[in-house]
Amino acid sequence: MTFKEGFADDLQNVFFDLDEFASEHTIDGKTYTCVVTRLDKTEAKMSYGLMHSTLNPKEHEINKATHVIYIRTADLSRKLSTRASIRLDGKNMLIQDIDKVEGVTILYVGDFEM
């Protein structure tokens, strides 16, 4: 097995395994197997500093990333972009930033009320 094959196997069978790290969450009415982590206050403050220039300065309350969502890129049913809103498990979230790494989409999201 090559390194890439081993990495892909670990993603599928360990990281996104419901008995290991992943859990089922509803995003915009569709259930996904993903990993959702909550940022602690220190990390959230650091992300606020990084994101501060991306939004209107008057929008301080929605300018903080509070969660990171790891989801398989192939599972996504629509293209997501920064500053788009999603509904995660019934709660409104604003996508602050997006990374894509080896078939995994990483969403940095923050709470907000509409």
PDB file of N, CA and C in Angstrom:
ATOM      1  N   MET A   1       0.847  -1.178   0.000  1.00  0.00           N
ATOM      2  CA  MET A   1       0.000   0.000   0.000  1.00  0.00           C
ATOM      3  C   MET A   1       0.893   1.242   0.000  1.00  0.00           C
ATOM      4  N   THR A   2       0.602   2.194  -0.878  1.00  0.00           N
ATOM      5  CA  THR A   2       1.370   3.436  -0.912  1.00  0.00           C
ATOM      6  C   THR A   2       0.883   4.370   0.195  1.00  0.00           C
ATOM      7  N   PHE A   3       1.645   5.422   0.426  1.00  0.00           N
ATOM      8  CA  PHE A   3       1.268   6.401   1.447  1.00  0.00           C
ATOM      9  C   PHE A   3      -0.094   7.021   1.125  1.00  0.00           C
ATOM     10  N   LYS A   4      -0.310   7.418  -0.140  1.00  0.00           N
ATOM     11  CA  LYS A   4      -1.583   8.030  -0.531  1.00  0.00           C
ATOM     12  C   LYS A   4      -2.749   7.069  -0.333  1.00  0.00           C
ATOM     13  N   GLU A   5      -2.545   5.809  -0.659  1.00  0.00           N
ATOM     14  CA  GLU A   5      -3.604   4.815  -0.463  1.00  0.00           C
ATOM     15  C   GLU A   5      -3.889   4.632   1.029  1.00  0.00           C
ATOM     16  N   GLY A   6      -2.840   4.592   1.832  1.00  0.00           N
ATOM     17  CA  GLY A   6      -3.004   4.472   3.279  1.00  0.00           C
ATOM     18  C   GLY A   6      -3.713   5.672   3.876  1.00  0.00           C
ATOM     19  N   PHE A   7      -3.355   6.857   3.393  1.00  0.00           N
ATOM     20  CA  PHE A   7      -3.995   8.094   3.861  1.00  0.00           C
ATOM     21  C   PHE A   7      -5.477   8.080   3.531  1.00  0.00           C
ATOM     22  N   ALA A   8      -5.814   7.735   2.282  1.00  0.00           N
ATOM     23  CA  ALA A   8      -7.224   7.680   1.861  1.00  0.00           C
ATOM     24  C   ALA A   8      -7.984   6.635   2.672  1.00  0.00           C
ATOM     25  N   ASP A   9      -7.350   5.507   2.942  1.00  0.00           N
ATOM     26  CA  ASP A   9      -7.980   4.460   3.745  1.00  0.00           C
ATOM     27  C   ASP A   9      -8.224   4.942   5.174  1.00  0.00           C
ATOM     28  N   ASP A  10      -7.248   5.624   5.770  1.00  0.00           N
ATOM     29  CA  ASP A  10      -7.420   6.160   7.129  1.00  0.00           C
ATOM     30  C   ASP A  10      -8.529   7.198   7.190  1.00  0.00           C
ATOM     31  N   LEU A  11      -8.607   8.061   6.182  1.00  0.00           N
ATOM     32  CA  LEU A  11      -9.687   9.045   6.164  1.00  0.00           C
ATOM     33  C   LEU A  11     -11.041   8.360   6.192  1.00  0.00           C
ATOM     34  N   GLN A  12     -11.203   7.380   5.337  1.00  0.00           N
ATOM     35  CA  GLN A  12     -12.485   6.686   5.214  1.00  0.00           C
ATOM     36  C   GLN A  12     -12.797   5.828   6.432  1.00  0.00           C
ATOM     37  N   ASN A  13     -11.830   5.041   6.865  1.00  0.00           N
ATOM     38  CA  ASN A  13     -12.090   4.011   7.870  1.00  0.00           C
ATOM     39  C   ASN A  13     -11.751   4.399   9.297  1.00  0.00           C
ATOM     40  N   VAL A  14     -11.127   5.538   9.509  1.00  0.00           N
ATOM     41  CA  VAL A  14     -10.826   5.973  10.872  1.00  0.00           C
ATOM     42  C   VAL A  14     -11.417   7.358  11.128  1.00  0.00           C
ATOM     43  N   PHE A  15     -10.953   8.357  10.393  1.00  0.00           N
ATOM     44  CA  PHE A  15     -11.375   9.730  10.668  1.00  0.00           C
ATOM     45  C   PHE A  15     -12.873   9.918  10.464  1.00  0.00           C
ATOM     46  N   PHE A  16     -13.437   9.377   9.383  1.00  0.00           N
ATOM     47  CA  PHE A  16     -14.867   9.521   9.112  1.00  0.00           C
ATOM     48  C   PHE A  16     -15.673   8.305   9.568  1.00  0.00           C
ATOM     49  N   ASP A  17     -15.088   7.479  10.431  1.00  0.00           N
ATOM     50  CA  ASP A  17     -15.793   6.326  10.990  1.00  0.00           C
ATOM     51  C   ASP A  17     -16.670   6.806  12.148  1.00  0.00           C
ATOM     52  N   LEU A  18     -17.939   6.422  12.129  1.00  0.00           N
ATOM     53  CA  LEU A  18     -18.879   6.848  13.171  1.00  0.00           C
ATOM     54  C   LEU A  18     -18.511   6.308  14.548  1.00  0.00           C
ATOM     55  N   ASP A  19     -17.757   5.216  14.599  1.00  0.00           N
ATOM     56  CA  ASP A  19     -17.337   4.660  15.894  1.00  0.00           C
ATOM     57  C   ASP A  19     -16.032   5.272  16.391  1.00  0.00           C
ATOM     58  N   GLU A  20     -15.359   6.059  15.584  1.00  0.00           N
ATOM     59  CA  GLU A  20     -14.084   6.654  15.968  1.00  0.00           C
ATOM     60  C   GLU A  20     -14.234   8.160  16.223  1.00  0.00           C
ATOM     61  N   PHE A  21     -14.114   8.980  15.181  1.00  0.00           N
ATOM     62  CA  PHE A  21     -14.125  10.432  15.337  1.00  0.00           C
ATOM     63  C   PHE A  21     -15.413  11.092  14.855  1.00  0.00           C
ATOM     64  N   ALA A  22     -15.986  10.576  13.798  1.00  0.00           N
ATOM     65  CA  ALA A  22     -17.094  11.256  13.127  1.00  0.00           C
ATOM     66  C   ALA A  22     -18.428  11.036  13.842  1.00  0.00           C
ATOM     67  N   SER A  23     -19.376  11.880  13.477  1.00  0.00           N
ATOM     68  CA  SER A  23     -20.751  11.741  13.938  1.00  0.00           C
ATOM     69  C   SER A  23     -21.652  12.292  12.840  1.00  0.00           C
ATOM     70  N   GLU A  24     -22.922  11.986  12.951  1.00  0.00           N
ATOM     71  CA  GLU A  24     -23.857  12.481  11.938  1.00  0.00           C
ATOM     72  C   GLU A  24     -24.397  13.836  12.369  1.00  0.00           C
ATOM     73  N   HIS A  25     -24.378  14.774  11.419  1.00  0.00           N
ATOM     74  CA  HIS A  25     -24.898  16.114  11.657  1.00  0.00           C
ATOM     75  C   HIS A  25     -25.750  16.516  10.464  1.00  0.00           C
ATOM     76  N   THR A  26     -26.716  17.360  10.715  1.00  0.00           N
ATOM     77  CA  THR A  26     -27.581  17.850   9.655  1.00  0.00           C
ATOM     78  C   THR A  26     -27.097  19.227   9.228  1.00  0.00           C
ATOM     79  N   ILE A  27     -26.803  19.360   7.939  1.00  0.00           N
ATOM     80  CA  ILE A  27     -26.402  20.644   7.367  1.00  0.00           C
ATOM     81  C   ILE A  27     -27.399  20.978   6.276  1.00  0.00           C
ATOM     82  N   ASP A  28     -28.113  22.068   6.452  1.00  0.00           N
ATOM     83  CA  ASP A  28     -29.134  22.522   5.502  1.00  0.00           C
ATOM     84  C   ASP A  28     -30.133  21.412   5.169  1.00  0.00           C
ATOM     85  N   GLY A  29     -30.550  20.668   6.189  1.00  0.00           N
ATOM     86  CA  GLY A  29     -31.574  19.653   6.020  1.00  0.00           C
ATOM     87  C   GLY A  29     -31.091  18.300   5.542  1.00  0.00           C
ATOM     88  N   LYS A  30     -29.805  18.149   5.249  1.00  0.00           N
ATOM     89  CA  LYS A  30     -29.262  16.875   4.780  1.00  0.00           C
ATOM     90  C   LYS A  30     -28.293  16.338   5.824  1.00  0.00           C
ATOM     91  N   THR A  31     -28.358  15.021   6.075  1.00  0.00           N
ATOM     92  CA  THR A  31     -27.497  14.399   7.073  1.00  0.00           C
ATOM     93  C   THR A  31     -26.167  14.000   6.444  1.00  0.00           C
ATOM     94  N   TYR A  32     -25.080  14.396   7.124  1.00  0.00           N
ATOM     95  CA  TYR A  32     -23.722  14.102   6.672  1.00  0.00           C
ATOM     96  C   TYR A  32     -22.956  13.405   7.786  1.00  0.00           C
ATOM     97  N   THR A  33     -22.011  12.570   7.393  1.00  0.00           N
ATOM     98  CA  THR A  33     -21.035  12.043   8.335  1.00  0.00           C
ATOM     99  C   THR A  33     -19.863  13.000   8.305  1.00  0.00           C
ATOM    100  N   CYS A  34     -19.609  13.666   9.436  1.00  0.00           N
ATOM    101  CA  CYS A  34     -18.540  14.662   9.478  1.00  0.00           C
ATOM    102  C   CYS A  34     -17.980  14.746  10.891  1.00  0.00           C
ATOM    103  N   VAL A  35     -16.910  15.502  11.027  1.00  0.00           N
ATOM    104  CA  VAL A  35     -16.305  15.751  12.328  1.00  0.00           C
ATOM    105  C   VAL A  35     -16.504  17.232  12.624  1.00  0.00           C
ATOM    106  N   VAL A  36     -17.142  17.512  13.758  1.00  0.00           N
ATOM    107  CA  VAL A  36     -17.390  18.901  14.163  1.00  0.00           C
ATOM    108  C   VAL A  36     -16.670  19.129  15.480  1.00  0.00           C
ATOM    109  N   THR A  37     -15.821  20.151  15.504  1.00  0.00           N
ATOM    110  CA  THR A  37     -15.121  20.502  16.737  1.00  0.00           C
ATOM    111  C   THR A  37     -15.501  21.920  17.131  1.00  0.00           C
ATOM    112  N   ARG A  38     -15.492  22.168  18.407  1.00  0.00           N
ATOM    113  CA  ARG A  38     -15.794  23.505  18.918  1.00  0.00           C
ATOM    114  C   ARG A  38     -14.474  24.145  19.324  1.00  0.00           C
ATOM    115  N   LEU A  39     -14.273  25.377  18.899  1.00  0.00           N
ATOM    116  CA  LEU A  39     -13.051  26.094  19.268  1.00  0.00           C
ATOM    117  C   LEU A  39     -13.179  26.606  20.690  1.00  0.00           C
ATOM    118  N   ASP A  40     -12.092  26.532  21.446  1.00  0.00           N
ATOM    119  CA  ASP A  40     -12.149  27.119  22.783  1.00  0.00           C
ATOM    120  C   ASP A  40     -12.019  28.632  22.663  1.00  0.00           C
ATOM    121  N   LYS A  41     -12.144  29.343  23.755  1.00  0.00           N
ATOM    122  CA  LYS A  41     -12.167  30.812  23.712  1.00  0.00           C
ATOM    123  C   LYS A  41     -10.883  31.394  23.140  1.00  0.00           C
ATOM    124  N   THR A  42      -9.729  30.790  23.462  1.00  0.00           N
ATOM    125  CA  THR A  42      -8.459  31.302  22.948  1.00  0.00           C
ATOM    126  C   THR A  42      -8.391  31.172  21.435  1.00  0.00           C
ATOM    127  N   GLU A  43      -8.757  29.998  20.920  1.00  0.00           N
ATOM    128  CA  GLU A  43      -8.738  29.781  19.474  1.00  0.00           C
ATOM    129  C   GLU A  43      -9.747  30.686  18.778  1.00  0.00           C
ATOM    130  N   ALA A  44     -10.913  30.877  19.382  1.00  0.00           N
ATOM    131  CA  ALA A  44     -11.933  31.731  18.783  1.00  0.00           C
ATOM    132  C   ALA A  44     -11.440  33.177  18.711  1.00  0.00           C
ATOM    133  N   LYS A  45     -10.747  33.636  19.748  1.00  0.00           N
ATOM    134  CA  LYS A  45     -10.207  35.000  19.728  1.00  0.00           C
ATOM    135  C   LYS A  45      -9.147  35.139  18.648  1.00  0.00           C
ATOM    136  N   MET A  46      -8.306  34.101  18.488  1.00  0.00           N
ATOM    137  CA  MET A  46      -7.283  34.145  17.442  1.00  0.00           C
ATOM    138  C   MET A  46      -7.938  34.179  16.062  1.00  0.00           C
ATOM    139  N   SER A  47      -8.982  33.388  15.867  1.00  0.00           N
ATOM    140  CA  SER A  47      -9.654  33.383  14.571  1.00  0.00           C
ATOM    141  C   SER A  47     -10.349  34.713  14.340  1.00  0.00           C
ATOM    142  N   TYR A  48     -10.836  35.346  15.398  1.00  0.00           N
ATOM    143  CA  TYR A  48     -11.465  36.657  15.247  1.00  0.00           C
ATOM    144  C   TYR A  48     -10.449  37.659  14.715  1.00  0.00           C
ATOM    145  N   GLY A  49      -9.234  37.620  15.222  1.00  0.00           N
ATOM    146  CA  GLY A  49      -8.194  38.522  14.737  1.00  0.00           C
ATOM    147  C   GLY A  49      -7.877  38.273  13.282  1.00  0.00           C
ATOM    148  N   LEU A  50      -7.853  37.019  12.870  1.00  0.00           N
ATOM    149  CA  LEU A  50      -7.569  36.689  11.476  1.00  0.00           C
ATOM    150  C   LEU A  50      -8.726  37.075  10.563  1.00  0.00           C
ATOM    151  N   MET A  51      -9.952  36.925  11.047  1.00  0.00           N
ATOM    152  CA  MET A  51     -11.126  37.181  10.220  1.00  0.00           C
ATOM    153  C   MET A  51     -11.577  38.638  10.285  1.00  0.00           C
ATOM    154  N   HIS A  52     -11.004  39.407  11.180  1.00  0.00           N
ATOM    155  CA  HIS A  52     -11.482  40.763  11.433  1.00  0.00           C
ATOM    156  C   HIS A  52     -11.607  41.606  10.165  1.00  0.00           C
ATOM    157  N   SER A  53     -10.701  41.459   9.253  1.00  0.00           N
ATOM    158  CA  SER A  53     -10.717  42.309   8.059  1.00  0.00           C
ATOM    159  C   SER A  53     -11.629  41.773   6.962  1.00  0.00           C
ATOM    160  N   THR A  54     -12.238  40.599   7.141  1.00  0.00           N
ATOM    161  CA  THR A  54     -13.021  39.999   6.064  1.00  0.00           C
ATOM    162  C   THR A  54     -14.456  40.480   6.013  1.00  0.00           C
ATOM    163  N   LEU A  55     -14.960  41.017   7.098  1.00  0.00           N
ATOM    164  CA  LEU A  55     -16.351  41.456   7.145  1.00  0.00           C
ATOM    165  C   LEU A  55     -16.447  42.923   7.527  1.00  0.00           C
ATOM    166  N   ASN A  56     -17.613  43.437   7.415  1.00  0.00           N
ATOM    167  CA  ASN A  56     -17.901  44.799   7.824  1.00  0.00           C
ATOM    168  C   ASN A  56     -17.532  44.968   9.299  1.00  0.00           C
ATOM    169  N   PRO A  57     -16.805  46.021   9.674  1.00  0.00           N
ATOM    170  CA  PRO A  57     -16.389  46.208  11.069  1.00  0.00           C
ATOM    171  C   PRO A  57     -17.557  46.266  12.049  1.00  0.00           C
ATOM    172  N   LYS A  58     -18.743  46.596  11.583  1.00  0.00           N
ATOM    173  CA  LYS A  58     -19.910  46.663  12.470  1.00  0.00           C
ATOM    174  C   LYS A  58     -20.443  45.276  12.814  1.00  0.00           C
ATOM    175  N   GLU A  59     -19.929  44.242  12.165  1.00  0.00           N
ATOM    176  CA  GLU A  59     -20.449  42.892  12.355  1.00  0.00           C
ATOM    177  C   GLU A  59     -19.576  42.078  13.305  1.00  0.00           C
ATOM    178  N   HIS A  60     -19.175  42.658  14.416  1.00  0.00           N
ATOM    179  CA  HIS A  60     -18.271  41.991  15.352  1.00  0.00           C
ATOM    180  C   HIS A  60     -18.847  40.690  15.893  1.00  0.00           C
ATOM    181  N   GLU A  61     -20.122  40.636  16.170  1.00  0.00           N
ATOM    182  CA  GLU A  61     -20.712  39.461  16.806  1.00  0.00           C
ATOM    183  C   GLU A  61     -20.720  38.237  15.908  1.00  0.00           C
ATOM    184  N   ILE A  62     -20.776  38.418  14.595  1.00  0.00           N
ATOM    185  CA  ILE A  62     -20.786  37.252  13.713  1.00  0.00           C
ATOM    186  C   ILE A  62     -19.428  37.024  13.069  1.00  0.00           C
ATOM    187  N   ASN A  63     -18.421  37.696  13.600  1.00  0.00           N
ATOM    188  CA  ASN A  63     -17.098  37.652  12.999  1.00  0.00           C
ATOM    189  C   ASN A  63     -16.159  36.707  13.744  1.00  0.00           C
ATOM    190  N   LYS A  64     -16.707  35.763  14.491  1.00  0.00           N
ATOM    191  CA  LYS A  64     -15.881  34.853  15.271  1.00  0.00           C
ATOM    192  C   LYS A  64     -16.165  33.419  14.864  1.00  0.00           C
ATOM    193  N   ALA A  65     -15.126  32.683  14.488  1.00  0.00           N
ATOM    194  CA  ALA A  65     -15.289  31.263  14.196  1.00  0.00           C
ATOM    195  C   ALA A  65     -15.425  30.526  15.522  1.00  0.00           C
ATOM    196  N   THR A  66     -16.463  29.720  15.656  1.00  0.00           N
ATOM    197  CA  THR A  66     -16.697  28.985  16.898  1.00  0.00           C
ATOM    198  C   THR A  66     -16.595  27.474  16.701  1.00  0.00           C
ATOM    199  N   HIS A  67     -16.711  27.005  15.450  1.00  0.00           N
ATOM    200  CA  HIS A  67     -16.662  25.572  15.152  1.00  0.00           C
ATOM    201  C   HIS A  67     -15.833  25.327  13.890  1.00  0.00           C
ATOM    202  N   VAL A  68     -15.281  24.132  13.802  1.00  0.00           N
ATOM    203  CA  VAL A  68     -14.618  23.677  12.587  1.00  0.00           C
ATOM    204  C   VAL A  68     -15.327  22.390  12.174  1.00  0.00           C
ATOM    205  N   ILE A  69     -15.724  22.322  10.905  1.00  0.00           N
ATOM    206  CA  ILE A  69     -16.424  21.152  10.376  1.00  0.00           C
ATOM    207  C   ILE A  69     -15.548  20.513   9.308  1.00  0.00           C
ATOM    208  N   TYR A  70     -15.261  19.226   9.472  1.00  0.00           N
ATOM    209  CA  TYR A  70     -14.508  18.452   8.485  1.00  0.00           C
ATOM    210  C   TYR A  70     -15.514  17.550   7.785  1.00  0.00           C
ATOM    211  N   ILE A  71     -15.611  17.656   6.468  1.00  0.00           N
ATOM    212  CA  ILE A  71     -16.580  16.878   5.714  1.00  0.00           C
ATOM    213  C   ILE A  71     -15.951  16.426   4.403  1.00  0.00           C
ATOM    214  N   ARG A  72     -16.309  15.237   3.942  1.00  0.00           N
ATOM    215  CA  ARG A  72     -15.785  14.762   2.671  1.00  0.00           C
ATOM    216  C   ARG A  72     -16.282  15.676   1.558  1.00  0.00           C
ATOM    217  N   THR A  73     -15.380  16.136   0.725  1.00  0.00           N
ATOM    218  CA  THR A  73     -15.745  17.015  -0.383  1.00  0.00           C
ATOM    219  C   THR A  73     -16.745  16.330  -1.308  1.00  0.00           C
ATOM    220  N   ALA A  74     -16.565  15.038  -1.553  1.00  0.00           N
ATOM    221  CA  ALA A  74     -17.457  14.294  -2.450  1.00  0.00           C
ATOM    222  C   ALA A  74     -18.878  14.197  -1.903  1.00  0.00           C
ATOM    223  N   ASP A  75     -19.052  14.321  -0.581  1.00  0.00           N
ATOM    224  CA  ASP A  75     -20.390  14.222   0.021  1.00  0.00           C
ATOM    225  C   ASP A  75     -21.204  15.501  -0.099  1.00  0.00           C
ATOM    226  N   LEU A  76     -20.531  16.623  -0.313  1.00  0.00           N
ATOM    227  CA  LEU A  76     -21.251  17.901  -0.352  1.00  0.00           C
ATOM    228  C   LEU A  76     -22.185  17.961  -1.556  1.00  0.00           C
ATOM    229  N   SER A  77     -23.401  18.401  -1.302  1.00  0.00           N
ATOM    230  CA  SER A  77     -24.395  18.454  -2.377  1.00  0.00           C
ATOM    231  C   SER A  77     -24.421  19.814  -3.071  1.00  0.00           C
ATOM    232  N   ARG A  78     -23.734  20.789  -2.506  1.00  0.00           N
ATOM    233  CA  ARG A  78     -23.664  22.102  -3.143  1.00  0.00           C
ATOM    234  C   ARG A  78     -22.302  22.729  -2.857  1.00  0.00           C
ATOM    235  N   LYS A  79     -21.938  23.672  -3.691  1.00  0.00           N
ATOM    236  CA  LYS A  79     -20.675  24.376  -3.498  1.00  0.00           C
ATOM    237  C   LYS A  79     -20.869  25.404  -2.391  1.00  0.00           C
ATOM    238  N   LEU A  80     -19.964  25.403  -1.436  1.00  0.00           N
ATOM    239  CA  LEU A  80     -20.029  26.349  -0.327  1.00  0.00           C
ATOM    240  C   LEU A  80     -18.983  27.426  -0.523  1.00  0.00           C
ATOM    241  N   SER A  81     -19.262  28.611  -0.018  1.00  0.00           N
ATOM    242  CA  SER A  81     -18.317  29.715  -0.141  1.00  0.00           C
ATOM    243  C   SER A  81     -18.275  30.499   1.164  1.00  0.00           C
ATOM    244  N   THR A  82     -17.210  31.269   1.335  1.00  0.00           N
ATOM    245  CA  THR A  82     -17.104  32.100   2.535  1.00  0.00           C
ATOM    246  C   THR A  82     -18.232  33.123   2.529  1.00  0.00           C
ATOM    247  N   ARG A  83     -18.639  33.494   3.731  1.00  0.00           N
ATOM    248  CA  ARG A  83     -19.730  34.446   3.981  1.00  0.00           C
ATOM    249  C   ARG A  83     -21.102  33.895   3.617  1.00  0.00           C
ATOM    250  N   ALA A  84     -21.174  32.606   3.272  1.00  0.00           N
ATOM    251  CA  ALA A  84     -22.472  31.966   3.043  1.00  0.00           C
ATOM    252  C   ALA A  84     -22.985  31.447   4.387  1.00  0.00           C
ATOM    253  N   SER A  85     -24.283  31.344   4.517  1.00  0.00           N
ATOM    254  CA  SER A  85     -24.844  30.804   5.752  1.00  0.00           C
ATOM    255  C   SER A  85     -25.250  29.355   5.542  1.00  0.00           C
ATOM    256  N   ILE A  86     -25.102  28.578   6.606  1.00  0.00           N
ATOM    257  CA  ILE A  86     -25.572  27.196   6.617  1.00  0.00           C
ATOM    258  C   ILE A  86     -26.350  27.001   7.908  1.00  0.00           C
ATOM    259  N   ARG A  87     -27.103  25.943   7.953  1.00  0.00           N
ATOM    260  CA  ARG A  87     -27.833  25.582   9.164  1.00  0.00           C
ATOM    261  C   ARG A  87     -27.266  24.254   9.649  1.00  0.00           C
ATOM    262  N   LEU A  88     -26.520  24.289  10.742  1.00  0.00           N
ATOM    263  CA  LEU A  88     -25.874  23.115  11.319  1.00  0.00           C
ATOM    264  C   LEU A  88     -26.692  22.649  12.514  1.00  0.00           C
ATOM    265  N   ASP A  89     -27.302  21.478  12.393  1.00  0.00           N
ATOM    266  CA  ASP A  89     -28.108  20.905  13.474  1.00  0.00           C
ATOM    267  C   ASP A  89     -29.126  21.913  14.013  1.00  0.00           C
ATOM    268  N   GLY A  90     -29.760  22.645  13.111  1.00  0.00           N
ATOM    269  CA  GLY A  90     -30.808  23.588  13.491  1.00  0.00           C
ATOM    270  C   GLY A  90     -30.324  24.951  13.936  1.00  0.00           C
ATOM    271  N   LYS A  91     -29.023  25.193  13.882  1.00  0.00           N
ATOM    272  CA  LYS A  91     -28.467  26.483  14.326  1.00  0.00           C
ATOM    273  C   LYS A  91     -27.848  27.200  13.135  1.00  0.00           C
ATOM    274  N   ASN A  92     -28.136  28.486  12.989  1.00  0.00           N
ATOM    275  CA  ASN A  92     -27.577  29.272  11.888  1.00  0.00           C
ATOM    276  C   ASN A  92     -26.089  29.510  12.102  1.00  0.00           C
ATOM    277  N   MET A  93     -25.310  29.279  11.052  1.00  0.00           N
ATOM    278  CA  MET A  93     -23.861  29.476  11.096  1.00  0.00           C
ATOM    279  C   MET A  93     -23.426  30.237   9.857  1.00  0.00           C
ATOM    280  N   LEU A  94     -22.391  31.040   9.998  1.00  0.00           N
ATOM    281  CA  LEU A  94     -21.810  31.781   8.885  1.00  0.00           C
ATOM    282  C   LEU A  94     -20.438  31.185   8.588  1.00  0.00           C
ATOM    283  N   ILE A  95     -20.194  30.835   7.333  1.00  0.00           N
ATOM    284  CA  ILE A  95     -18.892  30.271   6.947  1.00  0.00           C
ATOM    285  C   ILE A  95     -17.877  31.407   6.901  1.00  0.00           C
ATOM    286  N   GLN A  96     -16.872  31.326   7.788  1.00  0.00           N
ATOM    287  CA  GLN A  96     -15.839  32.350   7.866  1.00  0.00           C
ATOM    288  C   GLN A  96     -14.695  32.065   6.889  1.00  0.00           C
ATOM    289  N   ASP A  97     -14.367  30.775   6.727  1.00  0.00           N
ATOM    290  CA  ASP A  97     -13.255  30.401   5.856  1.00  0.00           C
ATOM    291  C   ASP A  97     -13.436  28.942   5.442  1.00  0.00           C
ATOM    292  N   ILE A  98     -12.809  28.568   4.320  1.00  0.00           N
ATOM    293  CA  ILE A  98     -12.888  27.210   3.803  1.00  0.00           C
ATOM    294  C   ILE A  98     -11.491  26.770   3.358  1.00  0.00           C
ATOM    295  N   ASP A  99     -11.123  25.554   3.728  1.00  0.00           N
ATOM    296  CA  ASP A  99      -9.906  24.917   3.230  1.00  0.00           C
ATOM    297  C   ASP A  99     -10.307  23.591   2.606  1.00  0.00           C
ATOM    298  N   LYS A 100      -9.545  23.148   1.619  1.00  0.00           N
ATOM    299  CA  LYS A 100      -9.746  21.831   1.018  1.00  0.00           C
ATOM    300  C   LYS A 100      -8.408  21.118   1.017  1.00  0.00           C
ATOM    301  N   VAL A 101      -8.386  19.919   1.622  1.00  0.00           N
ATOM    302  CA  VAL A 101      -7.164  19.140   1.732  1.00  0.00           C
ATOM    303  C   VAL A 101      -7.477  17.681   1.430  1.00  0.00           C
ATOM    304  N   GLU A 102      -6.885  17.145   0.366  1.00  0.00           N
ATOM    305  CA  GLU A 102      -6.968  15.721   0.040  1.00  0.00           C
ATOM    306  C   GLU A 102      -8.381  15.148   0.150  1.00  0.00           C
ATOM    307  N   GLY A 103      -9.349  15.805  -0.474  1.00  0.00           N
ATOM    308  CA  GLY A 103     -10.715  15.292  -0.493  1.00  0.00           C
ATOM    309  C   GLY A 103     -11.550  15.637   0.718  1.00  0.00           C
ATOM    310  N   VAL A 104     -11.007  16.469   1.596  1.00  0.00           N
ATOM    311  CA  VAL A 104     -11.736  16.894   2.789  1.00  0.00           C
ATOM    312  C   VAL A 104     -11.930  18.403   2.715  1.00  0.00           C
ATOM    313  N   THR A 105     -13.166  18.846   2.917  1.00  0.00           N
ATOM    314  CA  THR A 105     -13.464  20.270   2.996  1.00  0.00           C
ATOM    315  C   THR A 105     -13.537  20.641   4.468  1.00  0.00           C
ATOM    316  N   ILE A 106     -12.810  21.690   4.837  1.00  0.00           N
ATOM    317  CA  ILE A 106     -12.768  22.151   6.221  1.00  0.00           C
ATOM    318  C   ILE A 106     -13.458  23.509   6.278  1.00  0.00           C
ATOM    319  N   LEU A 107     -14.547  23.577   7.039  1.00  0.00           N
ATOM    320  CA  LEU A 107     -15.321  24.811   7.169  1.00  0.00           C
ATOM    321  C   LEU A 107     -15.078  25.416   8.543  1.00  0.00           C
ATOM    322  N   TYR A 108     -14.709  26.680   8.574  1.00  0.00           N
ATOM    323  CA  TYR A 108     -14.578  27.433   9.817  1.00  0.00           C
ATOM    324  C   TYR A 108     -15.829  28.288   9.907  1.00  0.00           C
ATOM    325  N   VAL A 109     -16.681  28.008  10.888  1.00  0.00           N
ATOM    326  CA  VAL A 109     -17.967  28.667  10.947  1.00  0.00           C
ATOM    327  C   VAL A 109     -18.168  29.339  12.304  1.00  0.00           C
ATOM    328  N   GLY A 110     -19.049  30.333  12.310  1.00  0.00           N
ATOM    329  CA  GLY A 110     -19.393  31.037  13.542  1.00  0.00           C
ATOM    330  C   GLY A 110     -20.888  31.145  13.684  1.00  0.00           C
ATOM    331  N   ASP A 111     -21.346  31.214  14.923  1.00  0.00           N
ATOM    332  CA  ASP A 111     -22.774  31.344  15.222  1.00  0.00           C
ATOM    333  C   ASP A 111     -23.266  32.727  14.821  1.00  0.00           C
ATOM    334  N   PHE A 112     -24.501  32.777  14.381  1.00  0.00           N
ATOM    335  CA  PHE A 112     -25.157  34.070  14.209  1.00  0.00           C
ATOM    336  C   PHE A 112     -26.653  33.861  14.146  1.00  0.00           C
ATOM    337  N   GLU A 113     -27.389  34.905  14.465  1.00  0.00           N
ATOM    338  CA  GLU A 113     -28.854  34.855  14.401  1.00  0.00           C
ATOM    339  C   GLU A 113     -29.330  35.703  13.251  1.00  0.00           C
ATOM    340  N   MET A 114     -30.301  35.168  12.531  1.00  0.00           N
ATOM    341  CA  MET A 114     -30.852  35.898  11.387  1.00  0.00           C
ATOM    342  C   MET A 114     -32.012  36.763  11.843  1.00  0.00           C
TER     343      MET A 114
END
